[in-house]
Amino acid sequence: MRILSPVTAPCRSCGSEPPGHAGVYHRTARAKWAGKTSLLRTVFGLSPPWKGRILYEGRDVTDLPTHRKVELGLVLVPEREAPVSGMSVEENLQMGAYLRKALQHLEESLALVYSLFPILKNRARQKAGSLSGGEQQMLTIARALMTRPKLIMLDEPSQGLAPKIVGEVSRQSTGSSKSSG
C-alpha cells in the first residue's frame, strides 16, 4: 500500500503534478489555499479536472466514479472527515471493509489497524462520537485502511490535532506504507 504514489492530475491553481516514485511516502506541502485539497478531490473523482487526464497504474481513471476507484485501490481521507458517532469504533472499522476483497481479510485488516493504532483496540466497543479529536482522526484513517487500499490519500491528516497525536498519525501512516508493501 502506498500513502501517495505518482498520478497525473493537474492542480487547478498552479497546473503542477505531484512528484514521487511508486512505493514511497510523499507529502505535498504547499501554502494554504495552494490547491492540495483540489488536487486530491480531482484525483479521487469528487471534482472534475479542468483539463488533462488522471492516470493510475498506467490506466486512465479520469471518468471512473469514486466507488470504482475504491475498487481499484484508491482511497481518500478528506479533511475533517468524521466517523459515524453513534456506532462503536469496531463497527466503524467493519464499515470500512465493505468491498468483497476487504471482507475476505476482515480479521487481518483489524489486526493491522489495531497494531498501527493500539488505542483503537482499547476503545473497540466505545461509541466513536465519544473519542477525542485525535482518536477520531486515527479511526477515520484506520477505516480507510480497512478497504485494503493500494494508495491512500490523506488530506490534512493533522488538522486540529495535538502535536503528540500529529506525530503518532504521521509515524503510523508512514509505517503502514512500508509494512503493507
Protein backbone atom coordinates (compact mmCIF):
# COMPACT_ATOMS: atom_id res chain seq x y z
CA MET A 1 0.00 0.00 0.00
CA ARG A 2 1.22 3.48 -0.79
CA ILE A 3 0.37 6.63 1.06
CA LEU A 4 0.70 8.63 -2.15
CA SER A 5 2.06 7.50 -5.48
CA PRO A 6 2.59 9.11 -8.87
CA VAL A 7 -0.62 10.21 -10.54
CA THR A 8 -1.18 12.73 -13.29
CA ALA A 9 -3.71 15.31 -12.21
CA PRO A 10 -3.12 18.99 -12.82
CA CYS A 11 -3.61 21.17 -9.80
CA ARG A 12 -6.30 23.74 -10.58
CA SER A 13 -4.44 26.62 -9.03
CA CYS A 14 -0.95 26.01 -10.39
CA GLY A 15 -1.13 23.23 -13.01
CA SER A 16 1.55 21.14 -11.30
CA GLU A 17 1.67 17.38 -10.86
CA PRO A 18 2.77 15.64 -7.66
CA PRO A 19 6.30 14.22 -7.86
CA GLY A 20 7.14 10.85 -6.38
CA HIS A 21 8.11 7.28 -7.01
CA ALA A 22 5.92 4.21 -6.66
CA GLY A 23 6.01 2.74 -3.17
CA VAL A 24 7.27 5.89 -1.46
CA TYR A 25 5.59 8.09 1.07
CA HIS A 26 5.07 11.51 -0.46
CA ARG A 27 3.79 14.65 1.17
CA THR A 28 2.57 17.53 -0.95
CA ALA A 29 3.46 20.52 1.18
CA ARG A 30 2.23 23.80 -0.21
CA ALA A 31 1.00 27.02 1.26
CA LYS A 32 -2.56 27.28 2.46
CA TRP A 33 -5.01 27.70 -0.46
CA ALA A 34 -2.45 26.32 -2.95
CA GLY A 35 -4.71 23.59 -4.29
CA LYS A 36 -3.78 20.47 -2.26
CA THR A 37 -7.40 19.60 -1.46
CA SER A 38 -8.47 20.36 -5.03
CA LEU A 39 -5.76 18.04 -6.32
CA LEU A 40 -6.85 15.16 -4.07
CA ARG A 41 -10.56 15.71 -4.79
CA THR A 42 -9.81 15.72 -8.53
CA VAL A 43 -7.74 12.54 -8.39
CA PHE A 44 -10.48 10.79 -6.41
CA GLY A 45 -13.25 11.99 -8.73
CA LEU A 46 -15.13 14.36 -6.44
CA SER A 47 -14.23 17.31 -8.66
CA PRO A 48 -13.75 17.17 -12.45
CA PRO A 49 -10.33 18.13 -13.79
CA TRP A 50 -10.17 21.40 -15.67
CA LYS A 51 -8.01 19.72 -18.27
CA GLY A 52 -5.86 16.65 -18.72
CA ARG A 53 -6.30 13.05 -17.62
CA ILE A 54 -5.77 11.20 -14.36
CA LEU A 55 -3.64 8.09 -14.71
CA TYR A 56 -3.31 5.44 -12.02
CA GLU A 57 -1.07 2.43 -12.57
CA GLY A 58 -0.99 3.25 -16.29
CA ARG A 59 -4.80 3.32 -16.56
CA ASP A 60 -6.91 6.36 -17.35
CA VAL A 61 -9.25 6.76 -14.37
CA THR A 62 -10.38 10.31 -15.10
CA ASP A 63 -14.04 9.45 -15.67
CA LEU A 64 -14.37 6.49 -13.29
CA PRO A 65 -16.88 7.01 -10.48
CA THR A 66 -15.39 7.11 -6.98
CA HIS A 67 -16.67 3.65 -5.99
CA ARG A 68 -14.78 2.14 -8.95
CA LYS A 69 -11.63 3.98 -7.89
CA VAL A 70 -12.01 2.48 -4.41
CA GLU A 71 -12.31 -0.97 -6.03
CA LEU A 72 -9.01 -0.25 -7.84
CA GLY A 73 -7.39 0.58 -4.51
CA LEU A 74 -7.58 4.40 -4.35
CA VAL A 75 -8.91 5.86 -1.10
CA LEU A 76 -9.29 9.46 0.05
CA VAL A 77 -9.49 10.53 3.68
CA PRO A 78 -10.93 14.04 3.33
CA GLU A 79 -10.09 16.88 5.67
CA ARG A 80 -12.26 16.78 8.81
CA GLU A 81 -13.93 13.51 7.87
CA ALA A 82 -15.68 12.17 10.96
CA PRO A 83 -16.51 8.60 11.92
CA VAL A 84 -20.15 7.63 12.44
CA SER A 85 -20.56 8.88 16.00
CA GLY A 86 -23.40 6.56 17.06
CA MET A 87 -21.52 3.43 16.05
CA SER A 88 -18.72 1.78 18.00
CA VAL A 89 -15.09 2.02 16.92
CA GLU A 90 -15.18 -1.58 15.71
CA GLU A 91 -18.43 -1.05 13.79
CA ASN A 92 -16.84 1.94 12.04
CA LEU A 93 -13.86 -0.19 11.10
CA GLN A 94 -16.06 -3.02 9.83
CA MET A 95 -17.97 -0.50 7.74
CA GLY A 96 -14.68 0.34 6.01
CA ALA A 97 -14.30 -3.28 4.92
CA TYR A 98 -17.32 -3.26 2.62
CA LEU A 99 -15.50 -4.40 -0.52
CA ARG A 100 -15.56 -8.15 -1.17
CA LYS A 101 -11.74 -8.37 -1.12
CA ALA A 102 -11.68 -6.42 2.15
CA LEU A 103 -14.36 -8.60 3.77
CA GLN A 104 -12.30 -11.69 2.97
CA HIS A 105 -9.46 -10.21 5.05
CA LEU A 106 -11.50 -8.56 7.80
CA GLU A 107 -9.68 -10.10 10.78
CA GLU A 108 -6.27 -9.48 9.20
CA SER A 109 -7.18 -5.85 8.49
CA LEU A 110 -8.49 -5.35 12.03
CA ALA A 111 -5.23 -6.75 13.38
CA LEU A 112 -3.27 -4.34 11.17
CA VAL A 113 -5.16 -1.20 12.17
CA TYR A 114 -5.12 -2.20 15.83
CA SER A 115 -1.35 -2.68 15.62
CA LEU A 116 -0.97 0.74 13.97
CA PHE A 117 -3.37 2.48 16.36
CA PRO A 118 -3.46 0.43 19.61
CA ILE A 119 -5.72 2.98 21.33
CA LEU A 120 -8.49 1.97 18.90
CA LYS A 121 -8.31 -1.65 20.10
CA ASN A 122 -8.73 -0.41 23.68
CA ARG A 123 -11.76 1.60 22.57
CA ALA A 124 -13.28 -1.00 20.20
CA ARG A 125 -16.65 -1.14 21.99
CA GLN A 126 -16.80 2.61 22.69
CA LYS A 127 -19.02 4.92 20.63
CA ALA A 128 -16.92 6.76 18.06
CA GLY A 129 -18.55 10.07 18.99
CA SER A 130 -17.06 9.87 22.48
CA LEU A 131 -13.46 9.67 21.20
CA SER A 132 -11.12 12.64 21.34
CA GLY A 133 -10.49 14.56 18.10
CA GLY A 134 -7.14 12.82 17.62
CA GLU A 135 -8.65 9.39 18.23
CA GLN A 136 -11.43 10.15 15.75
CA GLN A 137 -8.81 11.12 13.15
CA MET A 138 -6.97 7.84 13.79
CA LEU A 139 -10.26 5.97 13.41
CA THR A 140 -11.01 7.73 10.13
CA ILE A 141 -7.59 6.77 8.73
CA ALA A 142 -7.95 3.22 10.08
CA ARG A 143 -11.41 2.90 8.48
CA ALA A 144 -9.87 3.86 5.12
CA LEU A 145 -7.14 1.24 5.64
CA MET A 146 -9.86 -1.39 6.11
CA THR A 147 -10.62 -1.20 2.36
CA ARG A 148 -7.09 -2.62 1.79
CA PRO A 149 -6.06 0.28 -0.47
CA LYS A 150 -3.05 0.41 -2.73
CA LEU A 151 -2.99 4.21 -2.44
CA ILE A 152 -4.38 6.24 0.43
CA MET A 153 -4.59 10.00 0.09
CA LEU A 154 -4.74 11.92 3.36
CA ASP A 155 -5.99 15.49 3.16
CA GLU A 156 -4.73 17.50 6.14
CA PRO A 157 -4.42 14.46 8.45
CA SER A 158 -3.06 16.65 11.24
CA GLN A 159 -5.77 19.36 11.10
CA GLY A 160 -6.76 20.31 14.65
CA LEU A 161 -4.72 17.58 16.31
CA ALA A 162 -2.40 17.94 19.29
CA PRO A 163 1.30 17.81 18.31
CA LYS A 164 1.73 14.43 20.04
CA ILE A 165 -1.14 12.94 18.01
CA VAL A 166 0.20 14.52 14.78
CA GLY A 167 3.48 12.70 15.33
CA GLU A 168 1.68 9.42 16.04
CA VAL A 169 -0.55 9.67 12.94
CA SER A 170 2.43 10.57 10.75
CA ARG A 171 4.63 7.81 12.19
CA GLN A 172 1.91 5.16 11.90
CA SER A 173 0.91 6.23 8.38
CA THR A 174 4.43 6.01 7.04
CA GLY A 175 4.97 2.75 8.89
CA SER A 176 1.91 1.17 7.26
CA SER A 177 3.17 2.10 3.80
CA LYS A 178 6.37 0.19 4.45
CA SER A 179 4.79 -2.81 6.17
CA SER A 180 1.90 -3.36 3.76
CA GLY A 181 4.07 -3.41 0.65
